[in-house]
Amino acid sequence: MDAIIIVLVILVVLVVIALVQTIQVIQQASAAIVERFGRYTRTLNAGLNIVVPFIDRIRNRIDLREQVVPFPPQPVITQDNLVVNIDTVIYYQVTDARAATYEVSNYIQAIEQLTVTTLRNIIGGMDLERTLTSREEINAALRGVLDEATGKWGIRVNRVELKAIEPPTSIQDSMEKQMRADRDKRAAILQAEGIRQSEILQAEGAKQSEILRAEGDARAKALRAEGEAQAIRTVFEAIHAGDADQKLLSYQYVQMLPKIAEGDANKLWIVPSEIGDALKGLGGNLGRFTGNGNGGGNAGIPPQDNGGGSLDKPPTREQPRIE
C-alpha cells in the first residue's frame, strides 16, 4: 500500500513538471529560442506556447526592445598625436533572435569592441579641433559602420552618441587661455568700435550744430538787412512824398551833428565838406526871417541912431568854432 502511494506521488510530480515544461509563457517584446536535442527548432514569440517536455529546451530569452548601452571612456589618438578620452552610448535593438544567439557569442561585447576600433579609425583621421567640433559627423560615420557590421548578427544600431570628448589637461589649459584671449580681443574690438562710433556721433552732432548756428546767423543777418533796407526805403519814400526842400535837409543835417560827437572817447572828429553848404543854407534861411526882407518881423522899423549920427549895423553873430 505504501509503495503504491509513493508511486502515485512520483507520477503526480512528474506530471506537474511535464506540464510546467510544456506550457511556456513569453512576455511581450521578448522571444525565446527552442532547441531539440541541442539543435535549433524554432523561436517562441510573445504569448502562450507549447513545447515537448524533456525533449525541447529553452536556451535563451531575448529582449526585443531598444537597448541603451554606455561604454567606458576609450583613449583615442587624433591625427595631431593627441590622446583624448571618448565616452560613447549605443542604442541598438535585436531584430532576429536566432541570429543574435547563434551568429555571435556575446553581441554586447562584440558591439563594444567594434565601436572602439571604428572610433579609433575615425578619430585618427581628424585633428583635435575638428574632433571637438564634428560630433555629428563622427556619430553618423560610427553608426553607418556599426549598422552594417551588426546586421548579420540580427541587431540594428539606431543611434550612436558621444557623451564626452576629454582632451589632456595641458591641452584644456591651453584651450582655456586661447578662449580667454579671444574673448579679451573681441571685448577690446567692441570697446574700440563703441568709442569710434561715439566720436563719430559727437563729430556729426557738432557739425550739425555749427551748420544750424551758421544758418541761423545768416538768416538773422539777412532779416536784419531786409529790415534796414525796408526802413531806408520807407524814409526815402516819405521824404519824396513830402517833397522836402533844401531848408529841411539842412536843418536835419545840423541836428545830426551832436550825435556824431557823442561818446567820451571822441577826442577828434572830422567835419564833412558838405557841412559848409548846409550851414550856409540854414544861415540864409534864418537871415531871411530876421533880416529886412518883406514880411519879416522887423519890416518898416527904421534903424536907430547910436549917438554918432550913423545907423547901427545889425549885430553880427559869432559863428561857432568847430574843431
Protein backbone atom coordinates (compact mmCIF):
# COMPACT_ATOMS: atom_id res chain seq x y z
CA MET A 1 0.00 0.00 0.00
CA ASP A 2 2.75 2.41 0.88
CA ALA A 3 4.59 1.57 -2.32
CA ILE A 4 1.52 2.39 -4.36
CA ILE A 5 1.17 5.76 -2.66
CA ILE A 6 4.82 6.58 -3.28
CA VAL A 7 4.47 5.69 -6.96
CA LEU A 8 1.37 7.83 -7.28
CA VAL A 9 3.13 10.77 -5.69
CA ILE A 10 6.06 10.37 -8.07
CA LEU A 11 3.72 10.22 -11.05
CA VAL A 12 1.93 13.38 -9.91
CA VAL A 13 5.22 15.19 -9.52
CA LEU A 14 6.33 14.10 -12.97
CA VAL A 15 3.04 15.24 -14.46
CA VAL A 16 3.36 18.64 -12.83
CA ILE A 17 6.94 19.02 -14.06
CA ALA A 18 5.88 17.96 -17.56
CA LEU A 19 3.06 20.48 -17.55
CA VAL A 20 5.38 23.22 -16.42
CA GLN A 21 7.86 22.44 -19.18
CA THR A 22 5.14 22.03 -21.77
CA ILE A 23 3.45 25.41 -21.24
CA GLN A 24 5.77 28.37 -21.87
CA VAL A 25 4.58 31.94 -21.45
CA ILE A 26 6.69 34.52 -23.30
CA GLN A 27 6.44 38.17 -22.28
CA GLN A 28 5.57 40.94 -24.71
CA ALA A 29 8.54 42.30 -26.72
CA SER A 30 10.52 39.15 -25.95
CA ALA A 31 11.47 35.97 -27.82
CA ALA A 32 12.76 32.54 -26.80
CA ILE A 33 15.00 30.11 -28.69
CA VAL A 34 13.87 26.43 -28.56
CA GLU A 35 16.37 23.62 -29.13
CA ARG A 36 15.54 19.96 -29.55
CA PHE A 37 18.41 17.65 -28.65
CA GLY A 38 20.76 20.60 -28.94
CA ARG A 39 19.57 21.77 -32.34
CA TYR A 40 17.62 24.94 -33.11
CA THR A 41 13.98 24.16 -33.66
CA ARG A 42 12.01 27.40 -33.56
CA THR A 43 11.60 30.78 -31.98
CA LEU A 44 8.83 31.35 -29.48
CA ASN A 45 7.02 34.66 -29.75
CA ALA A 46 5.07 36.53 -27.08
CA GLY A 47 2.14 34.67 -25.58
CA LEU A 48 1.32 31.07 -24.60
CA ASN A 49 3.46 28.44 -26.29
CA ILE A 50 3.52 24.61 -26.08
CA VAL A 51 6.76 22.63 -26.22
CA VAL A 52 7.59 18.96 -25.85
CA PRO A 53 8.74 18.33 -22.28
CA PHE A 54 12.11 16.69 -21.67
CA ILE A 55 12.84 16.99 -25.44
CA ASP A 56 12.57 20.71 -26.23
CA ARG A 57 14.64 23.13 -24.19
CA ILE A 58 14.50 26.91 -23.88
CA ARG A 59 18.05 28.04 -24.50
CA ASN A 60 17.81 31.81 -24.41
CA ARG A 61 15.24 34.53 -23.81
CA ILE A 62 15.98 37.75 -25.68
CA ASP A 63 14.55 41.22 -25.09
CA LEU A 64 13.42 42.73 -28.39
CA ARG A 65 13.09 46.28 -27.07
CA GLU A 66 15.60 49.02 -27.88
CA GLN A 67 18.53 48.83 -25.52
CA VAL A 68 20.91 51.53 -24.32
CA VAL A 69 24.47 50.51 -23.55
CA PRO A 70 27.05 53.05 -22.31
CA PHE A 71 30.69 52.15 -22.88
CA PRO A 72 33.52 53.31 -20.62
CA PRO A 73 35.90 56.04 -21.84
CA GLN A 74 38.29 54.88 -24.52
CA PRO A 75 41.65 56.55 -25.21
CA VAL A 76 41.89 57.56 -28.86
CA ILE A 77 44.80 59.22 -30.67
CA THR A 78 43.98 62.08 -33.03
CA GLN A 79 45.77 62.96 -36.25
CA ASP A 80 47.95 65.51 -34.45
CA ASN A 81 49.10 62.84 -31.93
CA LEU A 82 46.96 63.92 -29.00
CA VAL A 83 45.22 61.38 -26.76
CA VAL A 84 41.58 62.06 -26.00
CA ASN A 85 39.13 60.01 -23.93
CA ILE A 86 35.77 59.46 -25.59
CA ASP A 87 32.62 58.14 -23.90
CA THR A 88 30.07 56.53 -26.23
CA VAL A 89 26.47 55.40 -25.89
CA ILE A 90 24.93 52.86 -28.27
CA TYR A 91 21.18 52.50 -28.93
CA TYR A 92 20.51 49.10 -30.51
CA GLN A 93 17.63 46.66 -30.98
CA VAL A 94 17.57 42.90 -31.64
CA THR A 95 15.63 42.16 -34.80
CA ASP A 96 16.47 38.45 -35.21
CA ALA A 97 16.67 36.40 -32.00
CA ARG A 98 18.11 33.33 -33.77
CA ALA A 99 20.97 35.31 -35.39
CA ALA A 100 21.73 37.13 -32.14
CA THR A 101 22.01 33.74 -30.43
CA TYR A 102 23.96 31.71 -32.98
CA GLU A 103 25.86 34.27 -35.12
CA VAL A 104 27.83 35.80 -32.27
CA SER A 105 28.64 34.50 -28.82
CA ASN A 106 28.20 37.83 -26.98
CA TYR A 107 26.77 40.60 -29.12
CA ILE A 108 27.18 43.26 -26.39
CA GLN A 109 30.90 42.66 -26.15
CA ALA A 110 31.16 42.43 -29.93
CA ILE A 111 29.42 45.81 -30.36
CA GLU A 112 31.70 47.41 -27.76
CA GLN A 113 34.88 46.20 -29.41
CA LEU A 114 33.62 47.16 -32.86
CA THR A 115 32.75 50.62 -31.55
CA VAL A 116 36.23 51.13 -30.11
CA THR A 117 38.06 50.06 -33.26
CA THR A 118 35.80 52.06 -35.55
CA LEU A 119 36.08 55.14 -33.34
CA ARG A 120 39.87 54.95 -33.43
CA ASN A 121 39.84 54.76 -37.21
CA ILE A 122 37.55 57.77 -37.50
CA ILE A 123 39.31 59.95 -34.91
CA GLY A 124 42.72 59.01 -36.31
CA GLY A 125 41.90 60.96 -39.46
CA MET A 126 40.93 64.14 -37.61
CA ASP A 127 42.86 66.71 -35.65
CA LEU A 128 41.79 67.81 -32.17
CA GLU A 129 39.89 70.91 -33.24
CA ARG A 130 37.89 69.03 -35.84
CA THR A 131 37.23 66.21 -33.38
CA LEU A 132 35.76 68.63 -30.86
CA THR A 133 33.52 70.33 -33.43
CA SER A 134 32.42 67.36 -35.56
CA ARG A 135 30.30 65.24 -33.22
CA GLU A 136 27.51 64.79 -35.73
CA GLU A 137 29.93 63.69 -38.39
CA ILE A 138 31.55 61.18 -36.03
CA ASN A 139 28.18 59.85 -34.89
CA ALA A 140 26.97 59.34 -38.46
CA ALA A 141 30.16 57.59 -39.56
CA LEU A 142 30.21 55.35 -36.47
CA ARG A 143 26.55 54.43 -36.83
CA GLY A 144 26.99 53.53 -40.50
CA VAL A 145 29.87 51.13 -39.78
CA LEU A 146 28.16 49.53 -36.77
CA ASP A 147 24.83 49.09 -38.51
CA GLU A 148 26.48 47.38 -41.46
CA ALA A 149 28.58 45.05 -39.27
CA THR A 150 25.83 44.11 -36.81
CA GLY A 151 23.19 43.46 -39.45
CA LYS A 152 24.28 39.83 -39.85
CA TRP A 153 24.03 39.40 -36.08
CA GLY A 154 20.35 40.28 -36.13
CA ILE A 155 20.97 43.64 -34.46
CA ARG A 156 20.09 47.12 -35.70
CA VAL A 157 22.05 50.09 -34.34
CA ASN A 158 19.66 53.01 -34.17
CA ARG A 159 21.84 55.74 -32.71
CA VAL A 160 25.39 56.38 -31.59
CA GLU A 161 26.15 59.31 -29.29
CA LEU A 162 29.42 60.68 -27.97
CA LYS A 163 28.85 61.57 -24.34
CA ALA A 164 32.14 63.37 -23.78
CA ILE A 165 35.40 64.15 -25.51
CA GLU A 166 38.09 64.95 -22.97
CA PRO A 167 41.45 66.21 -24.23
CA PRO A 168 44.55 66.14 -22.00
CA THR A 169 44.76 68.56 -19.09
CA SER A 170 47.54 70.60 -20.68
CA ILE A 171 45.53 70.97 -23.84
CA GLN A 172 42.49 72.04 -21.82
CA ASP A 173 44.55 74.74 -20.11
CA SER A 174 45.86 75.95 -23.47
CA MET A 175 42.36 76.00 -24.89
CA GLU A 176 41.06 77.98 -21.95
CA LYS A 177 43.87 80.53 -22.35
CA GLN A 178 43.15 80.78 -26.07
CA MET A 179 39.43 81.25 -25.48
CA ARG A 180 40.16 83.85 -22.82
CA ALA A 181 42.47 85.69 -25.22
CA ASP A 182 39.80 85.56 -27.94
CA ARG A 183 37.19 86.93 -25.56
CA ASP A 184 39.53 89.74 -24.49
CA LYS A 185 40.26 90.51 -28.12
CA ARG A 186 36.60 90.65 -29.01
CA ALA A 187 35.91 92.82 -25.98
CA ALA A 188 38.70 95.24 -26.97
CA ILE A 189 37.41 95.38 -30.54
CA LEU A 190 33.87 96.05 -29.38
CA GLN A 191 35.07 98.76 -26.99
CA ALA A 192 37.12 100.41 -29.75
CA GLU A 193 34.14 100.24 -32.08
CA GLY A 194 31.98 101.83 -29.40
CA ILE A 195 34.46 104.67 -28.82
CA ARG A 196 34.80 105.22 -32.57
CA GLN A 197 31.05 105.30 -33.06
CA SER A 198 30.67 107.67 -30.13
CA GLU A 199 33.29 110.06 -31.53
CA ILE A 200 31.68 109.91 -34.97
CA LEU A 201 28.30 110.74 -33.49
CA GLN A 202 29.77 113.60 -31.44
CA ALA A 203 31.51 114.98 -34.53
CA GLU A 204 28.31 114.69 -36.52
CA GLY A 205 26.42 116.45 -33.76
CA ALA A 206 28.97 119.27 -33.59
CA LYS A 207 28.90 119.60 -37.37
CA GLN A 208 25.13 119.81 -37.46
CA SER A 209 25.18 122.31 -34.61
CA GLU A 210 27.70 124.56 -36.41
CA ILE A 211 25.70 124.31 -39.64
CA LEU A 212 22.47 125.22 -37.88
CA ARG A 213 24.18 128.05 -36.00
CA ALA A 214 25.68 129.41 -39.23
CA GLU A 215 22.34 129.13 -40.99
CA GLY A 216 20.68 130.94 -38.09
CA ASP A 217 23.27 133.76 -38.18
CA ALA A 218 22.94 134.08 -41.95
CA ARG A 219 19.18 134.17 -41.67
CA ALA A 220 19.34 136.76 -38.90
CA LYS A 221 21.72 138.96 -40.91
CA ALA A 222 19.51 138.62 -43.97
CA LEU A 223 16.43 139.57 -41.97
CA ARG A 224 18.31 142.46 -40.34
CA ALA A 225 19.50 143.69 -43.72
CA GLU A 226 15.99 143.40 -45.09
CA GLY A 227 14.67 145.40 -42.16
CA GLU A 228 17.27 148.14 -42.63
CA ALA A 229 16.62 148.22 -46.38
CA GLN A 230 12.90 148.45 -45.76
CA ALA A 231 13.46 151.27 -43.25
CA ILE A 232 15.65 153.15 -45.73
CA ARG A 233 13.07 152.68 -48.47
CA THR A 234 10.32 153.88 -46.13
CA VAL A 235 12.30 157.01 -45.15
CA PHE A 236 13.25 157.68 -48.74
CA GLU A 237 9.67 157.30 -49.88
CA ALA A 238 8.45 159.53 -47.04
CA ILE A 239 10.98 162.26 -47.97
CA HIS A 240 10.00 162.18 -51.62
CA ALA A 241 6.31 162.04 -50.76
CA GLY A 242 6.71 165.11 -48.53
CA ASP A 243 8.69 166.99 -51.22
CA ALA A 244 11.38 168.11 -48.75
CA ASP A 245 13.40 171.18 -49.83
CA GLN A 246 16.98 172.19 -49.12
CA LYS A 247 15.99 174.03 -45.95
CA LEU A 248 14.58 170.93 -44.25
CA LEU A 249 17.54 168.79 -45.30
CA SER A 250 19.97 171.41 -43.95
CA TYR A 251 18.11 171.56 -40.68
CA GLN A 252 18.17 167.76 -40.30
CA TYR A 253 21.89 167.74 -41.15
CA VAL A 254 22.65 170.20 -38.36
CA GLN A 255 20.58 168.18 -35.88
CA MET A 256 22.69 165.09 -36.55
CA LEU A 257 25.94 166.82 -35.65
CA PRO A 258 25.57 166.35 -31.84
CA LYS A 259 25.00 162.65 -32.28
CA ILE A 260 28.18 162.37 -34.30
CA ALA A 261 30.12 163.94 -31.39
CA GLU A 262 28.59 161.72 -28.73
CA GLY A 263 30.88 159.48 -26.68
CA ASP A 264 33.66 160.06 -24.15
CA ALA A 265 36.28 158.52 -26.43
CA ASN A 266 35.70 161.06 -29.27
CA LYS A 267 38.72 163.38 -28.91
CA LEU A 268 38.74 164.43 -32.54
CA TRP A 269 36.07 164.19 -35.21
CA ILE A 270 36.10 165.32 -38.81
CA VAL A 271 33.51 167.63 -40.28
CA PRO A 272 32.37 166.63 -43.75
CA SER A 273 32.82 169.09 -46.60
CA GLU A 274 29.07 169.33 -47.10
CA ILE A 275 28.57 170.92 -43.64
CA GLY A 276 29.50 174.36 -45.02
CA ASP A 277 26.79 174.22 -47.62
CA ALA A 278 24.30 173.08 -45.04
CA LEU A 279 25.20 175.89 -42.60
CA LYS A 280 25.18 178.40 -45.42
CA GLY A 281 21.73 177.41 -46.49
CA LEU A 282 20.50 177.35 -42.91
CA GLY A 283 22.02 180.78 -42.21
CA GLY A 284 20.43 182.20 -45.31
CA ASN A 285 17.08 180.93 -44.23
CA LEU A 286 17.47 182.34 -40.73
CA GLY A 287 18.58 185.71 -42.16
CA ARG A 288 15.55 185.78 -44.34
CA PHE A 289 13.36 185.55 -41.27
CA THR A 290 15.36 188.01 -39.07
CA GLY A 291 16.62 190.49 -41.77
CA ASN A 292 14.96 193.27 -43.77
CA GLY A 293 13.06 191.15 -46.07
CA ASN A 294 9.44 191.73 -46.84
CA GLY A 295 7.05 190.14 -44.46
CA GLY A 296 9.73 189.87 -41.77
CA GLY A 297 9.21 190.62 -38.10
CA ASN A 298 11.27 193.94 -38.35
CA ALA A 299 9.70 195.23 -41.56
CA GLY A 300 9.10 199.07 -41.52
CA ILE A 301 11.20 199.68 -38.35
CA PRO A 302 13.82 202.39 -39.01
CA PRO A 303 17.34 201.94 -37.86
CA GLN A 304 18.25 203.64 -34.62
CA ASP A 305 20.98 206.17 -34.10
CA ASN A 306 23.81 205.17 -31.77
CA GLY A 307 24.76 208.73 -30.97
CA GLY A 308 27.34 209.01 -33.68
CA GLY A 309 24.96 210.07 -36.35
CA SER A 310 25.23 206.85 -38.23
CA LEU A 311 22.96 203.92 -38.43
CA ASP A 312 23.93 200.96 -36.37
CA LYS A 313 24.58 197.78 -38.26
CA PRO A 314 22.66 194.86 -37.19
CA PRO A 315 24.63 192.80 -34.70
CA THR A 316 26.58 190.01 -36.29
CA ARG A 317 26.53 186.54 -34.85
CA GLU A 318 29.71 184.88 -33.95
CA GLN A 319 29.82 181.59 -35.79
CA PRO A 320 30.53 178.62 -33.57
CA ARG A 321 34.05 177.36 -33.89
CA ILE A 322 34.20 173.80 -34.90
CA GLU A 323 37.38 171.93 -34.11
